[in-house]
Structures are given as structure tokens and as C-alpha cells.
Amino acid sequence: MKNLFALTGKVAVVIGGSRGLGKGMARGLANAGATVVISSRGKEALMQAADELTAETGSTVEGIALDITSVAAINTNVKLFHTSATASYFFIFQISSLF
């Protein structure tokens, strides 16, 4: 079943990925072989989630602290999402508590 949804070579960016639904989505993507970048405002919980997901799935999961309500913060951190010039990216926004 894992090969049916194989994401090896893909980079998934999950905004709001340190807990709840976002973390669950990040887990599923990592289990399917994607390199996952999770972000949230809380750096401590974010790094703990990234370490936990990496250990659990064996995939690379990186955490980037980011407040998406700040345009300046987004512009500063956009380059961190570019881990490879040839990678295929997709974004998932799990930010229901933002508004």
C-alpha cells in the first residue's frame, strides 16, 4: 500500500504541522517517503514534532518557525523551503486557529 502513494523525491511543506491535524498530515506524507518541512509559530513544539516524526517515519522532517501572518517573516524564510532546485514541492495549510 505504501507504493500506491509513494512521494519519494517530493518535498511537502505543512504550515501548522507541529500538532493536531497538521502533524497527522505531516506523518502521513513522511510515511509515504516525502521530505517534509513543518512550520508553526512555536519553535519548541515544532522542533520536538520534527524530531519525533523523523524518528518515527525514517524520513527527513525539518521544522521552520514561521508566523505566516507576517509578510516580512514569509519573505525571509521562503529560501529555507528550497532544499533542491529539482524537487517537486506541494504545500498544505492547516491553520484553522489563525483566524
N, C-alpha and C. Protein backbone atom coordinates (compact mmCIF):
# COMPACT_ATOMS: atom_id res chain seq x y z
N MET A 1 0.82 -1.20 0.00
CA MET A 1 0.00 0.00 0.00
C MET A 1 0.86 1.26 0.00
N LYS A 2 2.04 1.21 0.61
CA LYS A 2 2.91 2.38 0.67
C LYS A 2 3.30 2.86 -0.72
N ASN A 3 3.55 1.96 -1.66
CA ASN A 3 3.94 2.36 -3.01
C ASN A 3 2.82 3.04 -3.79
N LEU A 4 1.58 2.78 -3.41
CA LEU A 4 0.44 3.39 -4.06
C LEU A 4 0.49 4.92 -3.92
N PHE A 5 1.00 5.39 -2.81
CA PHE A 5 1.09 6.81 -2.54
C PHE A 5 2.53 7.25 -2.35
N ALA A 6 3.44 6.70 -3.11
CA ALA A 6 4.87 7.00 -2.96
C ALA A 6 5.15 8.46 -3.28
N LEU A 7 5.84 9.13 -2.36
CA LEU A 7 6.20 10.54 -2.53
C LEU A 7 7.70 10.76 -2.47
N THR A 8 8.46 9.72 -2.70
CA THR A 8 9.92 9.84 -2.68
C THR A 8 10.36 10.87 -3.71
N GLY A 9 11.25 11.76 -3.29
CA GLY A 9 11.73 12.82 -4.18
C GLY A 9 10.89 14.07 -4.16
N LYS A 10 9.80 14.05 -3.40
CA LYS A 10 8.92 15.21 -3.28
C LYS A 10 9.18 15.90 -1.95
N VAL A 11 8.92 17.20 -1.92
CA VAL A 11 9.05 17.97 -0.69
C VAL A 11 7.67 18.52 -0.34
N ALA A 12 7.18 18.17 0.84
CA ALA A 12 5.89 18.66 1.32
C ALA A 12 6.13 19.70 2.40
N VAL A 13 5.46 20.82 2.30
CA VAL A 13 5.54 21.87 3.31
C VAL A 13 4.18 21.93 3.98
N VAL A 14 4.15 21.65 5.28
CA VAL A 14 2.91 21.65 6.03
C VAL A 14 2.92 22.83 7.00
N ILE A 15 2.12 23.85 6.68
CA ILE A 15 2.00 25.01 7.53
C ILE A 15 1.05 24.64 8.66
N GLY A 16 1.49 24.80 9.89
CA GLY A 16 0.69 24.36 11.04
C GLY A 16 0.89 22.88 11.31
N GLY A 17 2.13 22.40 11.12
CA GLY A 17 2.40 20.97 11.19
C GLY A 17 2.97 20.45 12.50
N SER A 18 2.95 21.24 13.56
CA SER A 18 3.57 20.77 14.80
C SER A 18 2.63 20.00 15.71
N ARG A 19 1.33 20.04 15.42
CA ARG A 19 0.38 19.31 16.28
C ARG A 19 -0.93 19.07 15.54
N GLY A 20 -1.77 18.27 16.12
CA GLY A 20 -3.11 18.04 15.60
C GLY A 20 -3.16 17.50 14.18
N LEU A 21 -4.10 18.04 13.40
CA LEU A 21 -4.28 17.57 12.02
C LEU A 21 -3.05 17.80 11.16
N GLY A 22 -2.40 18.94 11.33
CA GLY A 22 -1.20 19.23 10.55
C GLY A 22 -0.10 18.22 10.80
N LYS A 23 0.09 17.87 12.05
CA LYS A 23 1.11 16.87 12.40
C LYS A 23 0.73 15.51 11.82
N GLY A 24 -0.55 15.18 11.87
CA GLY A 24 -1.02 13.92 11.29
C GLY A 24 -0.77 13.87 9.79
N MET A 25 -1.03 15.00 9.11
CA MET A 25 -0.76 15.07 7.67
C MET A 25 0.74 14.93 7.40
N ALA A 26 1.54 15.60 8.20
CA ALA A 26 3.00 15.51 8.03
C ALA A 26 3.47 14.07 8.23
N ARG A 27 2.90 13.39 9.20
CA ARG A 27 3.25 11.98 9.45
C ARG A 27 2.92 11.11 8.24
N GLY A 28 1.74 11.28 7.68
CA GLY A 28 1.34 10.50 6.52
C GLY A 28 2.22 10.76 5.32
N LEU A 29 2.56 12.02 5.10
CA LEU A 29 3.44 12.38 3.97
C LEU A 29 4.83 11.79 4.16
N ALA A 30 5.35 11.87 5.39
CA ALA A 30 6.67 11.31 5.68
C ALA A 30 6.65 9.79 5.54
N ASN A 31 5.58 9.15 5.98
CA ASN A 31 5.46 7.70 5.82
C ASN A 31 5.42 7.29 4.35
N ALA A 32 4.94 8.19 3.50
CA ALA A 32 4.90 7.91 2.05
C ALA A 32 6.22 8.23 1.37
N GLY A 33 7.21 8.70 2.14
CA GLY A 33 8.55 8.91 1.60
C GLY A 33 8.92 10.34 1.28
N ALA A 34 8.01 11.29 1.50
CA ALA A 34 8.32 12.69 1.20
C ALA A 34 9.30 13.26 2.23
N THR A 35 10.11 14.19 1.80
CA THR A 35 10.84 15.05 2.72
C THR A 35 9.82 16.08 3.17
N VAL A 36 9.68 16.29 4.47
CA VAL A 36 8.62 17.16 4.99
C VAL A 36 9.23 18.33 5.74
N VAL A 37 8.71 19.51 5.45
CA VAL A 37 9.04 20.72 6.20
C VAL A 37 7.77 21.13 6.92
N ILE A 38 7.85 21.17 8.25
CA ILE A 38 6.69 21.62 9.02
C ILE A 38 7.00 23.01 9.58
N SER A 39 5.97 23.81 9.71
CA SER A 39 6.18 25.12 10.29
C SER A 39 5.04 25.48 11.23
N SER A 40 5.37 26.30 12.19
CA SER A 40 4.40 26.88 13.12
C SER A 40 5.11 28.01 13.84
N ARG A 41 4.38 28.73 14.66
CA ARG A 41 5.00 29.84 15.39
C ARG A 41 5.79 29.38 16.60
N GLY A 42 5.38 28.30 17.25
CA GLY A 42 6.03 27.82 18.48
C GLY A 42 7.23 26.95 18.19
N LYS A 43 8.42 27.50 18.33
CA LYS A 43 9.65 26.80 17.93
C LYS A 43 9.90 25.53 18.74
N GLU A 44 9.68 25.56 20.05
CA GLU A 44 9.98 24.39 20.88
C GLU A 44 9.12 23.18 20.49
N ALA A 45 7.81 23.39 20.38
CA ALA A 45 6.92 22.29 19.98
C ALA A 45 7.21 21.84 18.55
N LEU A 46 7.58 22.78 17.71
CA LEU A 46 7.89 22.49 16.32
C LEU A 46 9.10 21.56 16.21
N MET A 47 10.18 21.89 16.90
CA MET A 47 11.39 21.07 16.84
C MET A 47 11.15 19.69 17.46
N GLN A 48 10.35 19.64 18.53
CA GLN A 48 10.02 18.36 19.13
C GLN A 48 9.23 17.50 18.16
N ALA A 49 8.27 18.10 17.46
CA ALA A 49 7.47 17.36 16.48
C ALA A 49 8.33 16.87 15.32
N ALA A 50 9.23 17.72 14.83
CA ALA A 50 10.12 17.33 13.71
C ALA A 50 10.99 16.15 14.11
N ASP A 51 11.57 16.21 15.31
CA ASP A 51 12.42 15.11 15.79
C ASP A 51 11.61 13.82 15.94
N GLU A 52 10.41 13.95 16.51
CA GLU A 52 9.54 12.79 16.71
C GLU A 52 9.14 12.14 15.38
N LEU A 53 8.75 12.97 14.41
CA LEU A 53 8.33 12.43 13.12
C LEU A 53 9.49 11.81 12.35
N THR A 54 10.67 12.41 12.45
CA THR A 54 11.85 11.84 11.80
C THR A 54 12.16 10.45 12.38
N ALA A 55 12.15 10.36 13.71
CA ALA A 55 12.44 9.08 14.37
C ALA A 55 11.38 8.03 14.04
N GLU A 56 10.13 8.46 14.00
CA GLU A 56 9.02 7.53 13.77
C GLU A 56 8.95 7.03 12.34
N THR A 57 9.22 7.91 11.37
CA THR A 57 9.00 7.56 9.96
C THR A 57 10.27 7.20 9.19
N GLY A 58 11.41 7.66 9.66
CA GLY A 58 12.65 7.44 8.93
C GLY A 58 12.86 8.43 7.79
N SER A 59 11.90 9.31 7.56
CA SER A 59 12.03 10.35 6.53
C SER A 59 12.62 11.60 7.15
N THR A 60 13.12 12.48 6.32
CA THR A 60 13.61 13.76 6.80
C THR A 60 12.44 14.68 7.06
N VAL A 61 12.34 15.16 8.29
CA VAL A 61 11.31 16.13 8.67
C VAL A 61 12.03 17.30 9.33
N GLU A 62 11.90 18.46 8.74
CA GLU A 62 12.56 19.66 9.26
C GLU A 62 11.51 20.63 9.76
N GLY A 63 11.86 21.37 10.79
CA GLY A 63 10.96 22.38 11.34
C GLY A 63 11.48 23.77 11.09
N ILE A 64 10.60 24.65 10.65
CA ILE A 64 10.94 26.05 10.45
C ILE A 64 9.91 26.90 11.19
N ALA A 65 10.37 27.64 12.21
CA ALA A 65 9.46 28.53 12.93
C ALA A 65 9.08 29.68 12.02
N LEU A 66 7.78 29.86 11.83
CA LEU A 66 7.30 30.86 10.88
C LEU A 66 5.93 31.36 11.30
N ASP A 67 5.79 32.67 11.37
CA ASP A 67 4.49 33.30 11.61
C ASP A 67 3.97 33.76 10.26
N ILE A 68 3.00 33.03 9.70
CA ILE A 68 2.53 33.36 8.36
C ILE A 68 1.66 34.60 8.30
N THR A 69 1.40 35.22 9.46
CA THR A 69 0.68 36.49 9.44
C THR A 69 1.62 37.65 9.15
N SER A 70 2.92 37.38 9.09
CA SER A 70 3.92 38.42 8.84
C SER A 70 4.52 38.23 7.44
N VAL A 71 4.26 39.18 6.56
CA VAL A 71 4.81 39.12 5.21
C VAL A 71 6.33 39.14 5.26
N ALA A 72 6.90 39.93 6.13
CA ALA A 72 8.36 40.00 6.27
C ALA A 72 8.94 38.64 6.66
N ALA A 73 8.28 37.95 7.59
CA ALA A 73 8.75 36.63 8.01
C ALA A 73 8.67 35.63 6.87
N ILE A 74 7.61 35.71 6.09
CA ILE A 74 7.48 34.80 4.94
C ILE A 74 8.59 35.07 3.94
N ASN A 75 8.82 36.32 3.60
CA ASN A 75 9.87 36.66 2.64
C ASN A 75 11.24 36.23 3.12
N THR A 76 11.49 36.36 4.41
CA THR A 76 12.78 35.97 4.98
C THR A 76 12.98 34.46 4.92
N ASN A 77 11.92 33.71 5.12
CA ASN A 77 12.03 32.24 5.24
C ASN A 77 11.75 31.48 3.97
N VAL A 78 11.31 32.12 2.92
CA VAL A 78 10.98 31.42 1.68
C VAL A 78 12.17 30.63 1.15
N LYS A 79 13.36 31.16 1.26
CA LYS A 79 14.54 30.45 0.76
C LYS A 79 14.79 29.15 1.50
N LEU A 80 14.31 29.02 2.73
CA LEU A 80 14.50 27.79 3.50
C LEU A 80 13.70 26.62 2.93
N PHE A 81 12.65 26.92 2.17
CA PHE A 81 11.86 25.86 1.56
C PHE A 81 12.53 25.28 0.32
N HIS A 82 13.54 25.93 -0.20
CA HIS A 82 14.19 25.49 -1.42
C HIS A 82 15.39 24.60 -1.09
N THR A 83 15.12 23.34 -0.79
CA THR A 83 16.19 22.41 -0.44
C THR A 83 16.85 21.81 -1.67
N SER A 84 16.18 21.86 -2.81
CA SER A 84 16.72 21.31 -4.04
C SER A 84 16.06 21.99 -5.23
N ALA A 85 16.88 22.38 -6.19
CA ALA A 85 16.35 23.08 -7.37
C ALA A 85 15.45 22.18 -8.21
N THR A 86 15.62 20.87 -8.10
CA THR A 86 14.83 19.95 -8.93
C THR A 86 13.70 19.28 -8.17
N ALA A 87 13.53 19.61 -6.90
CA ALA A 87 12.49 18.96 -6.11
C ALA A 87 11.10 19.44 -6.52
N SER A 88 10.13 18.57 -6.35
CA SER A 88 8.74 18.95 -6.56
C SER A 88 8.14 19.30 -5.21
N TYR A 89 7.55 20.47 -5.10
CA TYR A 89 7.00 20.94 -3.85
C TYR A 89 5.49 20.92 -3.86
N PHE A 90 4.90 20.70 -2.71
CA PHE A 90 3.49 20.98 -2.55
C PHE A 90 3.27 21.45 -1.12
N PHE A 91 2.28 22.31 -0.94
CA PHE A 91 2.02 22.94 0.34
C PHE A 91 0.67 22.52 0.88
N ILE A 92 0.60 22.33 2.20
CA ILE A 92 -0.64 22.05 2.89
C ILE A 92 -0.75 23.07 4.02
N PHE A 93 -1.87 23.77 4.06
CA PHE A 93 -2.09 24.78 5.09
C PHE A 93 -3.11 24.26 6.10
N GLN A 94 -2.67 24.00 7.31
CA GLN A 94 -3.55 23.57 8.40
C GLN A 94 -3.48 24.67 9.45
N ILE A 95 -4.28 25.72 9.24
CA ILE A 95 -4.15 26.91 10.08
C ILE A 95 -5.51 27.37 10.60
N SER A 96 -6.35 26.47 10.96
CA SER A 96 -7.71 26.83 11.36
C SER A 96 -7.77 27.73 12.59
N SER A 97 -6.76 27.68 13.44
CA SER A 97 -6.78 28.52 14.65
C SER A 97 -6.23 29.92 14.38
N LEU A 98 -5.85 30.21 13.17
CA LEU A 98 -5.25 31.51 12.84
C LEU A 98 -6.26 32.63 12.91
N PHE A 99 -7.48 32.37 12.49
CA PHE A 99 -8.47 33.44 12.40
C PHE A 99 -9.47 33.39 13.52
